[in-house]
């Protein structure tokens, strides 16, 4: 059975050991709205509310919507960077590799 948005939100909040008040504050939501998200079949929350929840729980909006396994924002940024890298010209890739090597030394 597929997880719903409410299942994921509730699981993430409990995993972070946050109360409804704490999680709502971090996500920029009201406690009552977060409770409704976790316990009722509401229409899909707005992008702004999903972004707040994703920041509070350090996951992507895609994950909240049923995307692949839990991933933190750092991992999502790495993937986005790699996708961008793949689309670069060979010269730009070579410059970036030299820069990365210089930063790592």
PDB file of N, CA and C in Angstrom:
ATOM      1  N   UNK A   1       0.843  -1.182   0.000  1.00  0.00           N
ATOM      2  CA  UNK A   1       0.000   0.000   0.000  1.00  0.00           C
ATOM      3  C   UNK A   1       0.887   1.244   0.000  1.00  0.00           C
ATOM      4  N   UNK A   2       0.582   2.157  -0.870  1.00  0.00           N
ATOM      5  CA  UNK A   2       1.387   3.372  -0.998  1.00  0.00           C
ATOM      6  C   UNK A   2       1.140   4.300   0.187  1.00  0.00           C
ATOM      7  N   UNK A   3       2.196   4.956   0.597  1.00  0.00           N
ATOM      8  CA  UNK A   3       2.080   5.930   1.666  1.00  0.00           C
ATOM      9  C   UNK A   3       1.408   7.192   1.137  1.00  0.00           C
ATOM     10  N   UNK A   4       0.615   7.808   1.968  1.00  0.00           N
ATOM     11  CA  UNK A   4      -0.014   9.071   1.595  1.00  0.00           C
ATOM     12  C   UNK A   4       0.841  10.218   2.119  1.00  0.00           C
ATOM     13  N   UNK A   5       0.501  11.423   1.691  1.00  0.00           N
ATOM     14  CA  UNK A   5       1.199  12.598   2.205  1.00  0.00           C
ATOM     15  C   UNK A   5       1.076  12.630   3.722  1.00  0.00           C
ATOM     16  N   UNK A   6      -0.118  12.372   4.212  1.00  0.00           N
ATOM     17  CA  UNK A   6      -0.300  12.451   5.666  1.00  0.00           C
ATOM     18  C   UNK A   6       0.516  11.416   6.406  1.00  0.00           C
ATOM     19  N   UNK A   7       0.641  10.203   5.818  1.00  0.00           N
ATOM     20  CA  UNK A   7       1.483   9.173   6.449  1.00  0.00           C
ATOM     21  C   UNK A   7       2.926   9.649   6.543  1.00  0.00           C
ATOM     22  N   UNK A   8       3.405  10.221   5.463  1.00  0.00           N
ATOM     23  CA  UNK A   8       4.807  10.654   5.446  1.00  0.00           C
ATOM     24  C   UNK A   8       5.042  11.830   6.397  1.00  0.00           C
ATOM     25  N   UNK A   9       4.136  12.777   6.411  1.00  0.00           N
ATOM     26  CA  UNK A   9       4.305  13.924   7.301  1.00  0.00           C
ATOM     27  C   UNK A   9       4.325  13.468   8.753  1.00  0.00           C
ATOM     28  N   UNK A  10       3.372  12.628   9.095  1.00  0.00           N
ATOM     29  CA  UNK A  10       3.300  12.153  10.476  1.00  0.00           C
ATOM     30  C   UNK A  10       4.543  11.344  10.850  1.00  0.00           C
ATOM     31  N   UNK A  11       4.983  10.464   9.955  1.00  0.00           N
ATOM     32  CA  UNK A  11       6.177   9.655  10.226  1.00  0.00           C
ATOM     33  C   UNK A  11       7.416  10.534  10.367  1.00  0.00           C
ATOM     34  N   UNK A  12       7.546  11.533   9.522  1.00  0.00           N
ATOM     35  CA  UNK A  12       8.707  12.424   9.606  1.00  0.00           C
ATOM     36  C   UNK A  12       8.692  13.225  10.904  1.00  0.00           C
ATOM     37  N   UNK A  13       7.526  13.681  11.305  1.00  0.00           N
ATOM     38  CA  UNK A  13       7.437  14.450  12.545  1.00  0.00           C
ATOM     39  C   UNK A  13       7.799  13.578  13.741  1.00  0.00           C
ATOM     40  N   UNK A  14       7.294  12.374  13.738  1.00  0.00           N
ATOM     41  CA  UNK A  14       7.601  11.477  14.866  1.00  0.00           C
ATOM     42  C   UNK A  14       9.074  11.084  14.857  1.00  0.00           C
ATOM     43  N   UNK A  15       9.625  10.847  13.688  1.00  0.00           N
ATOM     44  CA  UNK A  15      11.045  10.495  13.593  1.00  0.00           C
ATOM     45  C   UNK A  15      11.915  11.636  14.127  1.00  0.00           C
ATOM     46  N   UNK A  16      11.504  12.871  13.847  1.00  0.00           N
ATOM     47  CA  UNK A  16      12.248  14.037  14.334  1.00  0.00           C
ATOM     48  C   UNK A  16      11.935  14.342  15.794  1.00  0.00           C
ATOM     49  N   UNK A  17      11.001  13.576  16.377  1.00  0.00           N
ATOM     50  CA  UNK A  17      10.592  13.757  17.776  1.00  0.00           C
ATOM     51  C   UNK A  17      10.123  15.191  18.041  1.00  0.00           C
ATOM     52  N   UNK A  18       9.308  15.667  17.117  1.00  0.00           N
ATOM     53  CA  UNK A  18       8.744  17.006  17.247  1.00  0.00           C
ATOM     54  C   UNK A  18       7.272  16.908  17.628  1.00  0.00           C
ATOM     55  N   UNK A  19       6.837  17.823  18.472  1.00  0.00           N
ATOM     56  CA  UNK A  19       5.410  17.917  18.763  1.00  0.00           C
ATOM     57  C   UNK A  19       4.738  18.600  17.572  1.00  0.00           C
ATOM     58  N   UNK A  20       3.419  18.567  17.569  1.00  0.00           N
ATOM     59  CA  UNK A  20       2.690  19.281  16.516  1.00  0.00           C
ATOM     60  C   UNK A  20       3.051  20.762  16.541  1.00  0.00           C
ATOM     61  N   UNK A  21       3.119  21.335  17.746  1.00  0.00           N
ATOM     62  CA  UNK A  21       3.469  22.757  17.872  1.00  0.00           C
ATOM     63  C   UNK A  21       4.846  23.043  17.271  1.00  0.00           C
ATOM     64  N   UNK A  22       5.823  22.236  17.632  1.00  0.00           N
ATOM     65  CA  UNK A  22       7.194  22.464  17.158  1.00  0.00           C
ATOM     66  C   UNK A  22       7.288  22.311  15.642  1.00  0.00           C
ATOM     67  N   UNK A  23       6.694  21.238  15.121  1.00  0.00           N
ATOM     68  CA  UNK A  23       6.771  20.999  13.678  1.00  0.00           C
ATOM     69  C   UNK A  23       6.032  22.088  12.904  1.00  0.00           C
ATOM     70  N   UNK A  24       4.870  22.478  13.419  1.00  0.00           N
ATOM     71  CA  UNK A  24       4.095  23.524  12.745  1.00  0.00           C
ATOM     72  C   UNK A  24       4.883  24.830  12.709  1.00  0.00           C
ATOM     73  N   UNK A  25       5.521  25.162  13.830  1.00  0.00           N
ATOM     74  CA  UNK A  25       6.302  26.401  13.877  1.00  0.00           C
ATOM     75  C   UNK A  25       7.450  26.349  12.880  1.00  0.00           C
ATOM     76  N   UNK A  26       8.164  25.229  12.826  1.00  0.00           N
ATOM     77  CA  UNK A  26       9.294  25.109  11.901  1.00  0.00           C
ATOM     78  C   UNK A  26       8.843  25.157  10.442  1.00  0.00           C
ATOM     79  N   UNK A  27       7.648  24.641  10.172  1.00  0.00           N
ATOM     80  CA  UNK A  27       7.145  24.605   8.798  1.00  0.00           C
ATOM     81  C   UNK A  27       6.390  25.877   8.415  1.00  0.00           C
ATOM     82  N   UNK A  28       6.151  26.735   9.397  1.00  0.00           N
ATOM     83  CA  UNK A  28       5.404  27.962   9.117  1.00  0.00           C
ATOM     84  C   UNK A  28       3.910  27.715   8.959  1.00  0.00           C
ATOM     85  N   UNK A  29       3.407  26.706   9.660  1.00  0.00           N
ATOM     86  CA  UNK A  29       1.982  26.360   9.587  1.00  0.00           C
ATOM     87  C   UNK A  29       1.355  26.527  10.961  1.00  0.00           C
ATOM     88  N   UNK A  30       0.040  26.509  10.993  1.00  0.00           N
ATOM     89  CA  UNK A  30      -0.632  26.483  12.290  1.00  0.00           C
ATOM     90  C   UNK A  30      -0.681  25.038  12.770  1.00  0.00           C
ATOM     91  N   UNK A  31      -0.729  24.882  14.080  1.00  0.00           N
ATOM     92  CA  UNK A  31      -0.810  23.537  14.662  1.00  0.00           C
ATOM     93  C   UNK A  31      -2.064  22.818  14.157  1.00  0.00           C
ATOM     94  N   UNK A  32      -3.171  23.534  14.084  1.00  0.00           N
ATOM     95  CA  UNK A  32      -4.420  22.881  13.669  1.00  0.00           C
ATOM     96  C   UNK A  32      -4.346  22.415  12.208  1.00  0.00           C
ATOM     97  N   UNK A  33      -3.692  23.209  11.367  1.00  0.00           N
ATOM     98  CA  UNK A  33      -3.577  22.786   9.963  1.00  0.00           C
ATOM     99  C   UNK A  33      -2.690  21.556   9.847  1.00  0.00           C
ATOM    100  N   UNK A  34      -1.586  21.536  10.595  1.00  0.00           N
ATOM    101  CA  UNK A  34      -0.712  20.359  10.565  1.00  0.00           C
ATOM    102  C   UNK A  34      -1.452  19.127  11.074  1.00  0.00           C
ATOM    103  N   UNK A  35      -2.244  19.303  12.133  1.00  0.00           N
ATOM    104  CA  UNK A  35      -3.018  18.172  12.653  1.00  0.00           C
ATOM    105  C   UNK A  35      -3.963  17.650  11.565  1.00  0.00           C
ATOM    106  N   UNK A  36      -4.609  18.569  10.869  1.00  0.00           N
ATOM    107  CA  UNK A  36      -5.526  18.155   9.799  1.00  0.00           C
ATOM    108  C   UNK A  36      -4.774  17.444   8.674  1.00  0.00           C
ATOM    109  N   UNK A  37      -3.590  17.929   8.351  1.00  0.00           N
ATOM    110  CA  UNK A  37      -2.792  17.255   7.309  1.00  0.00           C
ATOM    111  C   UNK A  37      -2.472  15.820   7.711  1.00  0.00           C
ATOM    112  N   UNK A  38      -2.177  15.642   8.992  1.00  0.00           N
ATOM    113  CA  UNK A  38      -1.794  14.308   9.464  1.00  0.00           C
ATOM    114  C   UNK A  38      -2.982  13.372   9.653  1.00  0.00           C
ATOM    115  N   UNK A  39      -4.153  13.917   9.860  1.00  0.00           N
ATOM    116  CA  UNK A  39      -5.272  13.068  10.268  1.00  0.00           C
ATOM    117  C   UNK A  39      -6.490  13.072   9.351  1.00  0.00           C
ATOM    118  N   UNK A  40      -6.525  13.896   8.364  1.00  0.00           N
ATOM    119  CA  UNK A  40      -7.690  13.951   7.474  1.00  0.00           C
ATOM    120  C   UNK A  40      -7.239  13.903   6.021  1.00  0.00           C
ATOM    121  N   UNK A  41      -8.159  13.534   5.171  1.00  0.00           N
ATOM    122  CA  UNK A  41      -7.883  13.533   3.736  1.00  0.00           C
ATOM    123  C   UNK A  41      -8.202  14.909   3.161  1.00  0.00           C
ATOM    124  N   UNK A  42      -7.266  15.805   3.322  1.00  0.00           N
ATOM    125  CA  UNK A  42      -7.438  17.156   2.802  1.00  0.00           C
ATOM    126  C   UNK A  42      -6.989  17.202   1.353  1.00  0.00           C
ATOM    127  N   UNK A  43      -7.467  18.202   0.640  1.00  0.00           N
ATOM    128  CA  UNK A  43      -6.901  18.404  -0.697  1.00  0.00           C
ATOM    129  C   UNK A  43      -5.407  18.665  -0.546  1.00  0.00           C
ATOM    130  N   UNK A  44      -4.667  18.421  -1.583  1.00  0.00           N
ATOM    131  CA  UNK A  44      -3.215  18.593  -1.532  1.00  0.00           C
ATOM    132  C   UNK A  44      -2.849  20.004  -1.064  1.00  0.00           C
ATOM    133  N   UNK A  45      -1.913  20.101  -0.096  1.00  0.00           N
ATOM    134  CA  UNK A  45      -1.502  21.425   0.378  1.00  0.00           C
ATOM    135  C   UNK A  45      -0.821  22.233  -0.722  1.00  0.00           C
ATOM    136  N   UNK A  46      -0.772  23.541  -0.527  1.00  0.00           N
ATOM    137  CA  UNK A  46      -0.143  24.413  -1.516  1.00  0.00           C
ATOM    138  C   UNK A  46       1.357  24.140  -1.585  1.00  0.00           C
ATOM    139  N   UNK A  47       1.965  24.593  -2.664  1.00  0.00           N
ATOM    140  CA  UNK A  47       3.414  24.426  -2.839  1.00  0.00           C
ATOM    141  C   UNK A  47       4.168  25.117  -1.712  1.00  0.00           C
ATOM    142  N   UNK A  48       3.689  26.261  -1.290  1.00  0.00           N
ATOM    143  CA  UNK A  48       4.346  26.989  -0.202  1.00  0.00           C
ATOM    144  C   UNK A  48       4.315  26.175   1.089  1.00  0.00           C
ATOM    145  N   UNK A  49       3.199  25.571   1.385  1.00  0.00           N
ATOM    146  CA  UNK A  49       3.090  24.771   2.613  1.00  0.00           C
ATOM    147  C   UNK A  49       3.935  23.507   2.509  1.00  0.00           C
ATOM    148  N   UNK A  50       3.938  22.884   1.347  1.00  0.00           N
ATOM    149  CA  UNK A  50       4.777  21.699   1.165  1.00  0.00           C
ATOM    150  C   UNK A  50       6.253  22.059   1.302  1.00  0.00           C
ATOM    151  N   UNK A  51       6.640  23.211   0.759  1.00  0.00           N
ATOM    152  CA  UNK A  51       8.043  23.637   0.866  1.00  0.00           C
ATOM    153  C   UNK A  51       8.416  23.862   2.329  1.00  0.00           C
ATOM    154  N   UNK A  52       7.525  24.445   3.102  1.00  0.00           N
ATOM    155  CA  UNK A  52       7.786  24.644   4.525  1.00  0.00           C
ATOM    156  C   UNK A  52       7.956  23.330   5.253  1.00  0.00           C
ATOM    157  N   UNK A  53       7.109  22.377   4.944  1.00  0.00           N
ATOM    158  CA  UNK A  53       7.220  21.055   5.570  1.00  0.00           C
ATOM    159  C   UNK A  53       8.516  20.366   5.150  1.00  0.00           C
ATOM    160  N   UNK A  54       8.855  20.471   3.879  1.00  0.00           N
ATOM    161  CA  UNK A  54      10.086  19.838   3.392  1.00  0.00           C
ATOM    162  C   UNK A  54      11.302  20.425   4.109  1.00  0.00           C
ATOM    163  N   UNK A  55      11.319  21.748   4.297  1.00  0.00           N
ATOM    164  CA  UNK A  55      12.435  22.379   5.020  1.00  0.00           C
ATOM    165  C   UNK A  55      12.461  21.906   6.469  1.00  0.00           C
ATOM    166  N   UNK A  56      11.320  21.861   7.093  1.00  0.00           N
ATOM    167  CA  UNK A  56      11.262  21.470   8.509  1.00  0.00           C
ATOM    168  C   UNK A  56      11.750  20.042   8.716  1.00  0.00           C
ATOM    169  N   UNK A  57      11.463  19.168   7.769  1.00  0.00           N
ATOM    170  CA  UNK A  57      11.834  17.757   7.931  1.00  0.00           C
ATOM    171  C   UNK A  57      13.069  17.364   7.133  1.00  0.00           C
ATOM    172  N   UNK A  58      13.672  18.340   6.463  1.00  0.00           N
ATOM    173  CA  UNK A  58      14.899  18.105   5.699  1.00  0.00           C
ATOM    174  C   UNK A  58      14.725  17.009   4.635  1.00  0.00           C
ATOM    175  N   UNK A  59      13.622  17.092   3.917  1.00  0.00           N
ATOM    176  CA  UNK A  59      13.363  16.189   2.791  1.00  0.00           C
ATOM    177  C   UNK A  59      12.938  17.051   1.601  1.00  0.00           C
ATOM    178  N   UNK A  60      12.717  16.418   0.489  1.00  0.00           N
ATOM    179  CA  UNK A  60      12.261  17.165  -0.674  1.00  0.00           C
ATOM    180  C   UNK A  60      10.726  17.173  -0.742  1.00  0.00           C
ATOM    181  N   UNK A  61      10.202  18.145  -1.448  1.00  0.00           N
ATOM    182  CA  UNK A  61       8.754  18.178  -1.682  1.00  0.00           C
ATOM    183  C   UNK A  61       8.350  16.924  -2.438  1.00  0.00           C
ATOM    184  N   UNK A  62       9.191  16.482  -3.356  1.00  0.00           N
ATOM    185  CA  UNK A  62       8.913  15.262  -4.112  1.00  0.00           C
ATOM    186  C   UNK A  62       8.710  14.077  -3.178  1.00  0.00           C
ATOM    187  N   UNK A  63       9.525  13.993  -2.147  1.00  0.00           N
ATOM    188  CA  UNK A  63       9.361  12.891  -1.204  1.00  0.00           C
ATOM    189  C   UNK A  63       8.005  12.979  -0.517  1.00  0.00           C
ATOM    190  N   UNK A  64       7.634  14.172  -0.080  1.00  0.00           N
ATOM    191  CA  UNK A  64       6.337  14.328   0.589  1.00  0.00           C
ATOM    192  C   UNK A  64       5.193  13.893  -0.323  1.00  0.00           C
ATOM    193  N   UNK A  65       5.371  14.122  -1.621  1.00  0.00           N
ATOM    194  CA  UNK A  65       4.306  13.786  -2.573  1.00  0.00           C
ATOM    195  C   UNK A  65       4.344  12.321  -3.012  1.00  0.00           C
ATOM    196  N   UNK A  66       5.232  11.545  -2.419  1.00  0.00           N
ATOM    197  CA  UNK A  66       5.260  10.123  -2.743  1.00  0.00           C
ATOM    198  C   UNK A  66       6.452   9.702  -3.578  1.00  0.00           C
ATOM    199  N   UNK A  67       7.433  10.591  -3.682  1.00  0.00           N
ATOM    200  CA  UNK A  67       8.632  10.265  -4.444  1.00  0.00           C
ATOM    201  C   UNK A  67       9.468   9.198  -3.768  1.00  0.00           C
ATOM    202  N   UNK A  68      10.650   9.000  -4.307  1.00  0.00           N
ATOM    203  CA  UNK A  68      11.514   7.941  -3.835  1.00  0.00           C
ATOM    204  C   UNK A  68      11.861   8.085  -2.357  1.00  0.00           C
ATOM    205  N   UNK A  69      12.561   7.103  -1.849  1.00  0.00           N
ATOM    206  CA  UNK A  69      12.881   7.009  -0.429  1.00  0.00           C
ATOM    207  C   UNK A  69      13.415   8.316   0.143  1.00  0.00           C
ATOM    208  N   UNK A  70      13.353   8.381   1.452  1.00  0.00           N
ATOM    209  CA  UNK A  70      13.783   9.590   2.151  1.00  0.00           C
ATOM    210  C   UNK A  70      15.131  10.045   1.658  1.00  0.00           C
ATOM    211  N   UNK A  71      15.194  11.311   1.397  1.00  0.00           N
ATOM    212  CA  UNK A  71      16.458  11.877   0.958  1.00  0.00           C
ATOM    213  C   UNK A  71      16.539  13.260   1.565  1.00  0.00           C
ATOM    214  N   UNK A  72      17.708  13.615   1.999  1.00  0.00           N
ATOM    215  CA  UNK A  72      17.825  14.938   2.597  1.00  0.00           C
ATOM    216  C   UNK A  72      18.115  15.970   1.515  1.00  0.00           C
ATOM    217  N   UNK A  73      18.039  17.225   1.892  1.00  0.00           N
ATOM    218  CA  UNK A  73      18.221  18.277   0.908  1.00  0.00           C
ATOM    219  C   UNK A  73      19.622  18.257   0.319  1.00  0.00           C
ATOM    220  N   UNK A  74      20.602  17.868   1.128  1.00  0.00           N
ATOM    221  CA  UNK A  74      21.966  17.797   0.620  1.00  0.00           C
ATOM    222  C   UNK A  74      22.068  16.810  -0.521  1.00  0.00           C
ATOM    223  N   UNK A  75      21.459  15.657  -0.360  1.00  0.00           N
ATOM    224  CA  UNK A  75      21.479  14.652  -1.406  1.00  0.00           C
ATOM    225  C   UNK A  75      20.740  15.146  -2.654  1.00  0.00           C
ATOM    226  N   UNK A  76      19.631  15.816  -2.455  1.00  0.00           N
ATOM    227  CA  UNK A  76      18.872  16.352  -3.596  1.00  0.00           C
ATOM    228  C   UNK A  76      19.696  17.394  -4.337  1.00  0.00           C
ATOM    229  N   UNK A  77      20.418  18.225  -3.578  1.00  0.00           N
ATOM    230  CA  UNK A  77      21.273  19.231  -4.212  1.00  0.00           C
ATOM    231  C   UNK A  77      22.405  18.563  -4.982  1.00  0.00           C
ATOM    232  N   UNK A  78      22.964  17.500  -4.433  1.00  0.00           N
ATOM    233  CA  UNK A  78      24.027  16.769  -5.137  1.00  0.00           C
ATOM    234  C   UNK A  78      23.504  16.218  -6.458  1.00  0.00           C
ATOM    235  N   UNK A  79      22.311  15.652  -6.411  1.00  0.00           N
ATOM    236  CA  UNK A  79      21.727  15.099  -7.640  1.00  0.00           C
ATOM    237  C   UNK A  79      21.475  16.196  -8.671  1.00  0.00           C
ATOM    238  N   UNK A  80      20.980  17.330  -8.211  1.00  0.00           N
ATOM    239  CA  UNK A  80      20.720  18.449  -9.129  1.00  0.00           C
ATOM    240  C   UNK A  80      22.033  18.945  -9.728  1.00  0.00           C
ATOM    241  N   UNK A  81      23.076  19.016  -8.885  1.00  0.00           N
ATOM    242  CA  UNK A  81      24.380  19.446  -9.380  1.00  0.00           C
ATOM    243  C   UNK A  81      24.890  18.464 -10.439  1.00  0.00           C
ATOM    244  N   UNK A  82      24.753  17.174 -10.171  1.00  0.00           N
ATOM    245  CA  UNK A  82      25.240  16.177 -11.122  1.00  0.00           C
ATOM    246  C   UNK A  82      24.476  16.262 -12.445  1.00  0.00           C
ATOM    247  N   UNK A  83      23.173  16.486 -12.360  1.00  0.00           N
ATOM    248  CA  UNK A  83      22.393  16.636 -13.602  1.00  0.00           C
ATOM    249  C   UNK A  83      22.891  17.840 -14.393  1.00  0.00           C
ATOM    250  N   UNK A  84      23.181  18.928 -13.688  1.00  0.00           N
ATOM    251  CA  UNK A  84      23.690  20.127 -14.352  1.00  0.00           C
ATOM    252  C   UNK A  84      25.064  19.846 -14.954  1.00  0.00           C
ATOM    253  N   UNK A  85      25.893  19.130 -14.205  1.00  0.00           N
ATOM    254  CA  UNK A  85      27.234  18.786 -14.675  1.00  0.00           C
ATOM    255  C   UNK A  85      27.148  17.987 -15.979  1.00  0.00           C
ATOM    256  N   UNK A  86      26.229  17.036 -16.022  1.00  0.00           N
ATOM    257  CA  UNK A  86      26.093  16.189 -17.211  1.00  0.00           C
ATOM    258  C   UNK A  86      25.744  16.999 -18.456  1.00  0.00           C
ATOM    259  N   UNK A  87      25.088  18.115 -18.284  1.00  0.00           N
ATOM    260  CA  UNK A  87      24.681  18.907 -19.449  1.00  0.00           C
ATOM    261  C   UNK A  87      25.747  19.933 -19.863  1.00  0.00           C
ATOM    262  N   UNK A  88      26.852  20.001 -19.127  1.00  0.00           N
ATOM    263  CA  UNK A  88      27.908  20.978 -19.444  1.00  0.00           C
ATOM    264  C   UNK A  88      28.736  20.522 -20.636  1.00  0.00           C
ATOM    265  N   UNK A  89      29.409  21.488 -21.258  1.00  0.00           N
ATOM    266  CA  UNK A  89      30.332  21.171 -22.351  1.00  0.00           C
ATOM    267  C   UNK A  89      31.543  20.449 -21.770  1.00  0.00           C
ATOM    268  N   UNK A  90      32.275  19.692 -22.596  1.00  0.00           N
ATOM    269  CA  UNK A  90      33.479  19.010 -22.101  1.00  0.00           C
ATOM    270  C   UNK A  90      34.489  19.989 -21.498  1.00  0.00           C
ATOM    271  N   UNK A  91      34.583  21.189 -22.078  1.00  0.00           N
ATOM    272  CA  UNK A  91      35.521  22.181 -21.539  1.00  0.00           C
ATOM    273  C   UNK A  91      35.090  22.645 -20.140  1.00  0.00           C
ATOM    274  N   UNK A  92      33.815  22.905 -19.981  1.00  0.00           N
ATOM    275  CA  UNK A  92      33.318  23.346 -18.676  1.00  0.00           C
ATOM    276  C   UNK A  92      33.498  22.241 -17.635  1.00  0.00           C
ATOM    277  N   UNK A  93      33.266  20.996 -18.041  1.00  0.00           N
ATOM    278  CA  UNK A  93      33.476  19.880 -17.107  1.00  0.00           C
ATOM    279  C   UNK A  93      34.937  19.818 -16.674  1.00  0.00           C
ATOM    280  N   UNK A  94      35.850  20.004 -17.621  1.00  0.00           N
ATOM    281  CA  UNK A  94      37.275  19.946 -17.291  1.00  0.00           C
ATOM    282  C   UNK A  94      37.646  21.073 -16.326  1.00  0.00           C
ATOM    283  N   UNK A  95      37.120  22.288 -16.558  1.00  0.00           N
ATOM    284  CA  UNK A  95      37.400  23.408 -15.644  1.00  0.00           C
ATOM    285  C   UNK A  95      36.855  23.113 -14.250  1.00  0.00           C
ATOM    286  N   UNK A  96      35.660  22.579 -14.208  1.00  0.00           N
ATOM    287  CA  UNK A  96      35.045  22.278 -12.914  1.00  0.00           C
ATOM    288  C   UNK A  96      35.836  21.206 -12.168  1.00  0.00           C
ATOM    289  N   UNK A  97      36.311  20.188 -12.887  1.00  0.00           N
ATOM    290  CA  UNK A  97      37.125  19.141 -12.244  1.00  0.00           C
ATOM    291  C   UNK A  97      38.411  19.735 -11.683  1.00  0.00           C
ATOM    292  N   UNK A  98      39.047  20.654 -12.457  1.00  0.00           N
ATOM    293  CA  UNK A  98      40.284  21.298 -11.960  1.00  0.00           C
ATOM    294  C   UNK A  98      39.975  22.137 -10.714  1.00  0.00           C
ATOM    295  N   UNK A  99      38.871  22.856 -10.757  1.00  0.00           N
ATOM    296  CA  UNK A  99      38.488  23.682  -9.609  1.00  0.00           C
ATOM    297  C   UNK A  99      38.216  22.804  -8.381  1.00  0.00           C
ATOM    298  N   UNK A 100      37.485  21.722  -8.566  1.00  0.00           N
ATOM    299  CA  UNK A 100      37.185  20.816  -7.454  1.00  0.00           C
ATOM    300  C   UNK A 100      38.472  20.231  -6.882  1.00  0.00           C
ATOM    301  N   UNK A 101      39.399  19.871  -7.757  1.00  0.00           N
ATOM    302  CA  UNK A 101      40.669  19.314  -7.288  1.00  0.00           C
ATOM    303  C   UNK A 101      41.440  20.366  -6.492  1.00  0.00           C
ATOM    304  N   UNK A 102      41.440  21.623  -6.964  1.00  0.00           N
ATOM    305  CA  UNK A 102      42.140  22.688  -6.254  1.00  0.00           C
ATOM    306  C   UNK A 102      41.504  22.950  -4.884  1.00  0.00           C
ATOM    307  N   UNK A 103      40.188  22.874  -4.811  1.00  0.00           N
ATOM    308  CA  UNK A 103      39.503  23.093  -3.537  1.00  0.00           C
ATOM    309  C   UNK A 103      39.765  21.963  -2.548  1.00  0.00           C
ATOM    310  N   UNK A 104      39.969  20.780  -3.075  1.00  0.00           N
ATOM    311  CA  UNK A 104      40.161  19.604  -2.230  1.00  0.00           C
ATOM    312  C   UNK A 104      41.593  19.498  -1.711  1.00  0.00           C
ATOM    313  N   UNK A 105      42.549  20.200  -2.355  1.00  0.00           N
ATOM    314  CA  UNK A 105      43.966  20.115  -1.936  1.00  0.00           C
ATOM    315  C   UNK A 105      44.239  20.902  -0.673  1.00  0.00           C
TER     316      UNK A 105
END
